[in-house]
Amino acid sequence: MADPYSSEILPLCSTEDKSGFEGDMKLVAGLAVLWLWVVEAVENCPDACKCSQKSSTEKTEVNCQKKGLESIPPKLPLDTWILKMGENVLQDLPANILSSVPKIESVNLERNSIKSIHPRAFSGAQRLMLLNLQGNRMSKLPVKGFKDLLNLRFLMLGQNQIASLKPNMFIGMRNLSELDLPLNTLTALPPNTFKPLIALKVLDLALNHIQSISPKAFVGLDELLFLNLDNNKLKNIQDGTFASLIGLEMLVLDNNFLSTVTAATLEGLSNLQELYVRKNEVESLPADVFRHTPKLTHVGLSGNRLHAIDGNMLANMQGLKQVFLHDNPWKCDCSINSLVHYVAQTRANHSPLQRLRCTSPEEFRDRPIHQLKSDELPCRA
């Protein structure tokens, strides 16, 4: 082991300048302390893992990915700030798993076999900002199990088997920005489910089995910008369900079983810019459906059961930039006169024109709507 006080350094010090000598000795002592600290960090690195220190800072990344580990190593470098434990074989998370690393900011536990989490598993981890638990086998979450994670920004719970959510489940998480819950087995969203998440910006609930949403499910989410309900089993949405989402900018309802969308459905969404209701069972839209959404720029209605739509309604949406209407069974009679006129006149980018075609009557079957003229459309009783 090299001597940090080696005489090789002494020629740098002038014996005629005491203050300079003392300054250099303080520098040497400081280097010695840093050198000893680095050795200590390396010694505390678990055998199965690799540890690397962020340059010029006292922050160590511990990488234990794909090591066949059954538990989080009990002894980690004190200054651990990133812990990567993905693709191991953990089954349970006991209490206080992060108590030895108070500076921890990011923990990756994806693709393990975690089935249960102790309510105090994350006690003391107040600096944690990212927690990745996706791709495990959890069927439920501990009530108040995240209450110590006051600074958590990102919580990833996708690809589990979580079947239900309870109001106190996310208590204490006042700074959470993104909550990912896709590919679980949720069937309902009860009242006040997300109420503690006052800073939430992104909520992903895609690819679940959600059939019902309480009108109070989204209470408290004043800051939410993006809500994804793609690929669920929604048949109807109660009036005012989204009313508390006053800041929402994008709403995705694709691949459900919705038969109606009304102005009451979209009540409160005064800042909504993008609305996607593709591949549902919507048969008609009332003329005032977008009354509460004056800022809409993108609307997706392709893959529904629309026979007609009021083109004037679309024309009056001054900010509309894209509207997708293809793959609907359009009935090309005079009921779509206003739509034909809109398609011909609008500057908005709309459906691929060759895919926007008539289904009936027979003489117009498969005709592209943009090639029709209003005066040729029949009016029948």
Protein backbone atom coordinates (compact mmCIF):
# COMPACT_ATOMS: atom_id res chain seq x y z
CA MET A 1 0.00 0.00 0.00
CA ALA A 2 1.48 3.39 -0.97
CA ASP A 3 2.08 5.94 1.77
CA PRO A 4 -0.11 9.01 1.14
CA TYR A 5 2.43 11.07 3.03
CA SER A 6 5.29 9.92 0.76
CA SER A 7 8.38 12.17 0.63
CA GLU A 8 7.82 12.45 -3.11
CA ILE A 9 5.40 15.24 -2.30
CA LEU A 10 7.76 17.14 0.00
CA PRO A 11 9.84 18.86 -2.71
CA LEU A 12 6.67 20.75 -3.55
CA CYS A 13 6.92 22.46 -0.17
CA SER A 14 9.36 25.28 0.49
CA THR A 15 11.06 24.98 3.90
CA GLU A 16 11.51 28.75 3.81
CA ASP A 17 7.74 29.32 3.58
CA LYS A 18 6.02 27.90 6.64
CA SER A 19 2.53 29.00 5.61
CA GLY A 20 2.94 27.39 2.20
CA PHE A 21 4.17 24.21 3.79
CA GLU A 22 1.17 24.09 6.13
CA GLY A 23 -1.18 24.67 3.22
CA ASP A 24 0.33 21.84 1.24
CA MET A 25 0.19 19.52 4.22
CA LYS A 26 -3.53 20.28 4.62
CA LEU A 27 -3.99 19.40 0.95
CA VAL A 28 -2.09 16.14 1.42
CA ALA A 29 -4.17 15.30 4.49
CA GLY A 30 -7.33 16.00 2.54
CA LEU A 31 -6.21 13.75 -0.29
CA ALA A 32 -5.40 11.05 2.22
CA VAL A 33 -8.90 11.22 3.70
CA LEU A 34 -10.45 11.07 0.21
CA TRP A 35 -8.21 8.14 -0.72
CA LEU A 36 -9.18 6.25 2.45
CA TRP A 37 -12.89 6.99 1.73
CA VAL A 38 -12.62 5.54 -1.79
CA VAL A 39 -11.01 2.39 -0.38
CA GLU A 40 -13.82 2.09 2.17
CA ALA A 41 -16.47 2.44 -0.54
CA VAL A 42 -14.86 -0.30 -2.61
CA GLU A 43 -14.59 -2.57 0.40
CA ASN A 44 -18.31 -2.15 1.14
CA CYS A 45 -19.34 -3.07 -2.39
CA PRO A 46 -21.22 -6.41 -2.33
CA ASP A 47 -19.24 -9.23 -3.93
CA ALA A 48 -21.83 -9.91 -6.62
CA CYS A 49 -22.17 -6.25 -7.60
CA LYS A 50 -20.14 -3.55 -9.31
CA CYS A 51 -19.73 -0.17 -7.66
CA SER A 52 -18.72 3.02 -9.38
CA GLN A 53 -18.39 6.49 -7.96
CA LYS A 54 -19.65 9.59 -9.70
CA SER A 55 -16.66 11.77 -10.49
CA SER A 56 -15.88 14.52 -7.99
CA THR A 57 -18.89 13.69 -5.78
CA GLU A 58 -19.53 11.35 -2.91
CA LYS A 59 -22.13 9.30 -4.78
CA THR A 60 -21.81 5.60 -5.55
CA GLU A 61 -23.81 3.60 -8.07
CA VAL A 62 -24.29 -0.05 -7.09
CA ASN A 63 -25.09 -2.34 -10.02
CA CYS A 64 -26.40 -5.80 -9.06
CA GLN A 65 -28.38 -6.52 -12.25
CA LYS A 66 -28.92 -10.17 -13.26
CA LYS A 67 -26.93 -11.71 -10.41
CA GLY A 68 -29.46 -14.27 -9.18
CA LEU A 69 -29.81 -12.44 -5.85
CA GLU A 70 -32.66 -13.39 -3.51
CA SER A 71 -32.44 -10.24 -1.38
CA ILE A 72 -30.97 -6.76 -1.34
CA PRO A 73 -27.40 -6.95 0.04
CA PRO A 74 -27.47 -5.94 3.73
CA LYS A 75 -24.27 -3.89 3.52
CA LEU A 76 -23.97 -1.22 0.85
CA PRO A 77 -21.65 1.78 0.53
CA LEU A 78 -22.96 4.50 2.83
CA ASP A 79 -23.11 7.00 -0.02
CA THR A 80 -25.09 4.77 -2.41
CA TRP A 81 -27.39 6.96 -4.52
CA ILE A 82 -28.34 4.52 -7.30
CA LEU A 83 -29.14 0.85 -6.70
CA LYS A 84 -29.80 -1.42 -9.67
CA MET A 85 -31.31 -4.77 -8.66
CA GLY A 86 -33.29 -5.59 -11.81
CA GLU A 87 -33.76 -9.13 -13.15
CA ASN A 88 -32.90 -10.98 -9.94
CA VAL A 89 -35.09 -13.40 -7.96
CA LEU A 90 -36.34 -11.28 -5.05
CA GLN A 91 -39.74 -12.42 -3.77
CA ASP A 92 -40.37 -10.17 -0.78
CA LEU A 93 -39.31 -6.73 0.37
CA PRO A 94 -38.93 -6.74 4.20
CA ALA A 95 -38.93 -3.69 6.46
CA ASN A 96 -36.18 -1.07 6.30
CA ILE A 97 -34.45 -2.34 3.16
CA LEU A 98 -32.96 1.10 2.48
CA SER A 99 -32.24 2.24 6.04
CA SER A 100 -28.46 1.81 5.59
CA VAL A 101 -28.31 4.12 2.57
CA PRO A 102 -29.89 7.47 3.58
CA LYS A 103 -28.66 9.20 0.40
CA ILE A 104 -30.37 6.77 -1.99
CA GLU A 105 -32.20 8.52 -4.87
CA SER A 106 -32.95 5.75 -7.39
CA VAL A 107 -33.87 2.07 -6.91
CA ASN A 108 -34.51 -0.32 -9.80
CA LEU A 109 -36.22 -3.61 -8.81
CA GLU A 110 -37.85 -4.41 -12.16
CA ARG A 111 -38.38 -7.97 -13.41
CA ASN A 112 -37.87 -9.81 -10.15
CA SER A 113 -40.49 -12.09 -8.58
CA ILE A 114 -41.63 -9.72 -5.85
CA LYS A 115 -45.00 -10.73 -4.44
CA SER A 116 -45.22 -8.67 -1.26
CA ILE A 117 -43.93 -5.41 0.19
CA HIS A 118 -43.71 -4.76 3.93
CA PRO A 119 -45.56 -1.55 4.93
CA ARG A 120 -42.23 -0.19 6.24
CA ALA A 121 -40.03 -1.48 3.44
CA PHE A 122 -39.06 2.03 2.37
CA SER A 123 -38.91 3.67 5.81
CA GLY A 124 -36.38 6.46 5.98
CA ALA A 125 -35.81 6.74 2.23
CA GLN A 126 -36.81 10.39 2.15
CA ARG A 127 -34.40 11.30 -0.65
CA LEU A 128 -35.64 8.59 -3.02
CA MET A 129 -36.79 10.07 -6.32
CA LEU A 130 -37.29 7.00 -8.55
CA LEU A 131 -38.66 3.57 -7.63
CA ASN A 132 -39.05 0.97 -10.38
CA LEU A 133 -41.09 -2.12 -9.44
CA GLN A 134 -42.45 -3.04 -12.86
CA GLY A 135 -42.52 -6.60 -14.10
CA ASN A 136 -43.01 -8.31 -10.73
CA ARG A 137 -45.80 -10.45 -9.24
CA MET A 138 -47.51 -8.09 -6.85
CA SER A 139 -51.27 -8.50 -6.52
CA LYS A 140 -51.70 -5.76 -3.92
CA LEU A 141 -49.82 -2.79 -2.51
CA PRO A 142 -49.30 -2.07 1.20
CA VAL A 143 -51.64 0.60 2.60
CA LYS A 144 -49.52 3.66 3.46
CA GLY A 145 -46.50 1.69 2.29
CA PHE A 146 -45.04 4.67 0.43
CA LYS A 147 -45.72 7.32 3.10
CA ASP A 148 -42.01 8.02 3.77
CA LEU A 149 -41.25 8.71 0.11
CA LEU A 150 -41.84 12.43 0.40
CA ASN A 151 -39.57 13.31 -2.53
CA LEU A 152 -40.42 10.46 -4.89
CA ARG A 153 -41.01 11.71 -8.44
CA PHE A 154 -41.41 8.48 -10.44
CA LEU A 155 -43.18 5.28 -9.33
CA MET A 156 -43.31 2.43 -11.85
CA LEU A 157 -45.71 -0.41 -11.03
CA GLY A 158 -46.55 -1.72 -14.51
CA GLN A 159 -46.67 -5.39 -15.50
CA ASN A 160 -47.76 -6.70 -12.11
CA GLN A 161 -51.02 -8.29 -10.94
CA ILE A 162 -52.37 -5.39 -8.91
CA ALA A 163 -56.13 -5.88 -8.71
CA SER A 164 -57.30 -2.93 -6.63
CA LEU A 165 -56.33 0.51 -5.35
CA LYS A 166 -57.33 2.06 -2.04
CA PRO A 167 -57.51 5.74 -1.02
CA ASN A 168 -54.65 5.61 1.52
CA MET A 169 -52.33 3.65 -0.72
CA PHE A 170 -50.44 6.71 -1.97
CA ILE A 171 -50.60 8.88 1.14
CA GLY A 172 -47.53 11.04 1.76
CA MET A 173 -46.44 11.12 -1.88
CA ARG A 174 -47.01 14.83 -2.31
CA ASN A 175 -44.21 15.29 -4.87
CA LEU A 176 -44.93 12.32 -7.14
CA SER A 177 -44.89 13.43 -10.78
CA GLU A 178 -45.46 10.17 -12.69
CA LEU A 179 -47.38 7.04 -11.70
CA ASP A 180 -47.21 4.09 -14.10
CA LEU A 181 -49.75 1.28 -13.57
CA PRO A 182 -50.22 -0.33 -17.02
CA LEU A 183 -50.61 -4.07 -17.55
CA ASN A 184 -52.18 -4.87 -14.19
CA THR A 185 -55.60 -6.36 -13.35
CA LEU A 186 -57.46 -3.29 -12.09
CA THR A 187 -61.22 -3.46 -12.62
CA ALA A 188 -62.38 -0.26 -10.89
CA LEU A 189 -61.15 3.12 -9.70
CA PRO A 190 -62.79 4.00 -6.35
CA PRO A 191 -63.31 7.51 -4.92
CA ASN A 192 -60.28 9.53 -3.81
CA THR A 193 -57.86 6.88 -5.08
CA PHE A 194 -55.25 9.42 -6.15
CA LYS A 195 -56.19 12.33 -3.87
CA PRO A 196 -52.79 12.50 -2.03
CA LEU A 197 -50.93 12.91 -5.35
CA ILE A 198 -51.31 16.66 -5.57
CA ALA A 199 -48.28 17.12 -7.87
CA LEU A 200 -49.01 14.25 -10.27
CA LYS A 201 -48.46 15.09 -13.94
CA VAL A 202 -48.69 11.67 -15.65
CA LEU A 203 -51.05 8.78 -14.83
CA ASP A 204 -50.85 5.64 -16.97
CA LEU A 205 -53.63 3.08 -16.43
CA ALA A 206 -53.51 1.42 -19.85
CA LEU A 207 -53.96 -2.30 -20.45
CA ASN A 208 -55.96 -3.07 -17.32
CA HIS A 209 -59.54 -4.36 -17.01
CA ILE A 210 -61.15 -1.17 -15.72
CA GLN A 211 -64.94 -1.28 -16.13
CA SER A 212 -66.01 1.46 -13.76
CA ILE A 213 -64.62 4.78 -12.59
CA SER A 214 -66.03 6.64 -9.61
CA PRO A 215 -66.91 10.27 -10.44
CA LYS A 216 -64.54 11.17 -7.56
CA ALA A 217 -61.67 8.90 -8.61
CA PHE A 218 -59.54 11.78 -9.91
CA VAL A 219 -60.24 14.29 -7.14
CA GLY A 220 -57.07 16.14 -6.15
CA LEU A 221 -55.27 15.78 -9.46
CA ASP A 222 -55.32 19.47 -10.33
CA GLU A 223 -51.83 19.28 -11.87
CA LEU A 224 -52.39 16.20 -14.06
CA LEU A 225 -51.39 16.72 -17.71
CA PHE A 226 -51.68 13.21 -19.19
CA LEU A 227 -54.20 10.44 -18.44
CA ASN A 228 -53.99 7.15 -20.29
CA LEU A 229 -56.96 4.73 -20.09
CA ASP A 230 -56.15 2.90 -23.32
CA ASN A 231 -57.13 -0.77 -23.62
CA ASN A 232 -59.56 -1.16 -20.74
CA LYS A 233 -63.18 -2.32 -20.59
CA LEU A 234 -65.02 0.96 -20.20
CA LYS A 235 -68.57 0.96 -21.55
CA ASN A 236 -69.63 4.29 -20.13
CA ILE A 237 -68.15 7.15 -18.15
CA GLN A 238 -70.34 9.03 -15.70
CA ASP A 239 -70.89 12.73 -16.27
CA GLY A 240 -68.30 14.89 -14.53
CA THR A 241 -65.79 12.09 -13.96
CA PHE A 242 -62.99 14.24 -15.38
CA ALA A 243 -64.30 17.54 -13.96
CA SER A 244 -61.49 17.90 -11.41
CA LEU A 245 -58.77 17.53 -14.06
CA ILE A 246 -58.61 21.22 -14.77
CA GLY A 247 -55.04 21.10 -16.09
CA LEU A 248 -55.33 17.98 -18.25
CA GLU A 249 -53.84 18.35 -21.74
CA MET A 250 -54.08 14.80 -23.15
CA LEU A 251 -56.76 12.14 -22.56
CA VAL A 252 -56.47 8.69 -24.14
CA LEU A 253 -59.59 6.47 -24.17
CA ASP A 254 -58.66 4.25 -27.12
CA ASN A 255 -59.61 0.55 -27.33
CA ASN A 256 -62.56 0.53 -24.94
CA PHE A 257 -66.28 -0.11 -25.43
CA LEU A 258 -67.62 3.43 -25.16
CA SER A 259 -70.86 3.99 -27.08
CA THR A 260 -71.33 7.65 -26.19
CA VAL A 261 -69.25 10.75 -25.55
CA THR A 262 -71.09 13.92 -24.56
CA ALA A 263 -70.27 17.42 -23.40
CA ALA A 264 -70.92 16.23 -19.83
CA THR A 265 -68.32 13.52 -20.30
CA LEU A 266 -65.72 16.19 -21.05
CA GLU A 267 -66.90 18.70 -18.47
CA GLY A 268 -64.08 20.56 -16.73
CA LEU A 269 -61.44 19.81 -19.36
CA SER A 270 -60.95 23.43 -20.35
CA ASN A 271 -57.23 22.93 -21.04
CA LEU A 272 -57.54 19.67 -22.99
CA GLN A 273 -55.53 19.74 -26.22
CA GLU A 274 -55.57 16.11 -27.35
CA LEU A 275 -58.47 13.66 -27.11
CA TYR A 276 -58.26 10.10 -28.44
CA VAL A 277 -61.35 7.87 -28.47
CA ARG A 278 -60.22 5.51 -31.24
CA LYS A 279 -61.50 1.95 -31.64
CA ASN A 280 -64.57 2.24 -29.45
CA GLU A 281 -68.28 1.82 -30.26
CA VAL A 282 -69.33 5.46 -30.55
CA GLU A 283 -72.32 5.75 -32.90
CA SER A 284 -72.99 9.48 -32.77
CA LEU A 285 -71.69 12.72 -31.31
CA PRO A 286 -73.93 15.58 -30.14
CA ALA A 287 -73.27 18.91 -31.82
CA ASP A 288 -72.07 20.46 -28.53
CA VAL A 289 -69.79 17.59 -27.49
CA PHE A 290 -66.71 19.83 -27.46
CA ARG A 291 -68.37 22.74 -25.68
CA HIS A 292 -66.11 22.42 -22.62
CA THR A 293 -62.87 21.81 -24.55
CA PRO A 294 -62.06 25.03 -26.45
CA LYS A 295 -58.32 24.31 -26.69
CA LEU A 296 -58.54 21.01 -28.58
CA THR A 297 -55.92 20.65 -31.32
CA HIS A 298 -56.01 16.85 -31.91
CA VAL A 299 -59.08 14.60 -31.99
CA GLY A 300 -58.99 10.87 -32.74
CA LEU A 301 -62.33 9.21 -33.56
CA SER A 302 -61.25 6.53 -36.03
CA GLY A 303 -62.41 2.94 -35.68
CA ASN A 304 -65.85 3.69 -34.20
CA ARG A 305 -69.44 3.24 -35.50
CA LEU A 306 -70.08 6.76 -36.68
CA HIS A 307 -72.52 7.10 -39.59
CA ALA A 308 -72.53 10.89 -39.63
CA ILE A 309 -71.00 13.84 -37.86
CA ASP A 310 -71.65 17.57 -37.87
CA GLY A 311 -68.87 19.06 -39.96
CA ASN A 312 -69.80 22.54 -38.73
CA MET A 313 -68.91 21.44 -35.21
CA LEU A 314 -65.39 20.64 -36.41
CA ALA A 315 -65.17 23.78 -38.51
CA ASN A 316 -65.95 25.92 -35.47
CA MET A 317 -63.00 24.49 -33.56
CA GLN A 318 -60.53 27.19 -34.51
CA GLY A 319 -57.44 25.52 -33.03
CA LEU A 320 -58.05 22.05 -34.48
CA LYS A 321 -54.92 20.78 -36.25
CA GLN A 322 -55.60 17.06 -36.67
CA VAL A 323 -58.79 15.03 -36.71
CA PHE A 324 -58.92 11.29 -37.46
CA LEU A 325 -62.26 9.94 -38.72
CA HIS A 326 -61.36 6.92 -40.87
CA ASP A 327 -62.56 3.36 -40.33
CA ASN A 328 -66.12 4.40 -39.52
CA PRO A 329 -69.22 3.16 -41.40
CA TRP A 330 -70.06 6.50 -43.01
CA LYS A 331 -73.51 6.75 -44.55
CA CYS A 332 -73.00 8.97 -47.56
CA ASP A 333 -76.29 10.74 -47.91
CA CYS A 334 -77.18 14.36 -47.27
CA SER A 335 -76.71 13.88 -43.51
CA ILE A 336 -72.97 14.24 -44.06
CA ASN A 337 -73.18 17.33 -46.27
CA SER A 338 -71.46 19.43 -43.62
CA LEU A 339 -68.72 16.81 -43.22
CA VAL A 340 -68.07 16.72 -46.95
CA HIS A 341 -67.84 20.50 -46.96
CA TYR A 342 -65.51 20.46 -43.93
CA VAL A 343 -63.15 17.89 -45.47
CA ALA A 344 -62.96 19.95 -48.65
CA GLN A 345 -62.38 23.29 -46.92
CA THR A 346 -60.39 22.59 -43.77
CA ARG A 347 -56.70 23.29 -43.48
CA ALA A 348 -56.40 20.80 -40.64
CA ASN A 349 -54.62 17.54 -41.23
CA HIS A 350 -57.25 14.85 -41.08
CA SER A 351 -57.51 11.11 -41.70
CA PRO A 352 -55.59 9.63 -44.61
CA LEU A 353 -58.07 10.68 -47.28
CA GLN A 354 -58.06 7.36 -49.08
CA ARG A 355 -59.15 5.63 -45.84
CA LEU A 356 -62.05 8.01 -45.23
CA ARG A 357 -64.67 6.17 -47.30
CA CYS A 358 -68.38 5.58 -47.59
CA THR A 359 -69.94 2.34 -46.38
CA SER A 360 -73.47 3.02 -47.62
CA PRO A 361 -75.65 3.45 -49.62
CA GLU A 362 -74.58 0.80 -52.07
CA GLU A 363 -73.97 3.19 -54.98
CA PHE A 364 -71.43 5.08 -52.88
CA ARG A 365 -69.80 2.13 -51.16
CA ASP A 366 -66.04 2.54 -50.86
CA ARG A 367 -66.07 6.03 -52.40
CA PRO A 368 -63.54 8.39 -50.77
CA ILE A 369 -65.46 11.12 -48.96
CA HIS A 370 -63.11 13.84 -50.13
CA GLN A 371 -64.17 13.10 -53.72
CA LEU A 372 -67.88 13.58 -53.03
CA LYS A 373 -69.88 16.69 -53.84
CA SER A 374 -72.73 17.81 -51.65
CA ASP A 375 -75.23 18.08 -54.49
CA GLU A 376 -74.85 14.42 -55.42
CA LEU A 377 -75.68 13.05 -51.96
CA PRO A 378 -79.21 11.57 -51.78
CA CYS A 379 -81.71 12.49 -49.07
CA ARG A 380 -83.93 9.62 -48.10
CA ALA A 381 -86.70 9.30 -45.59
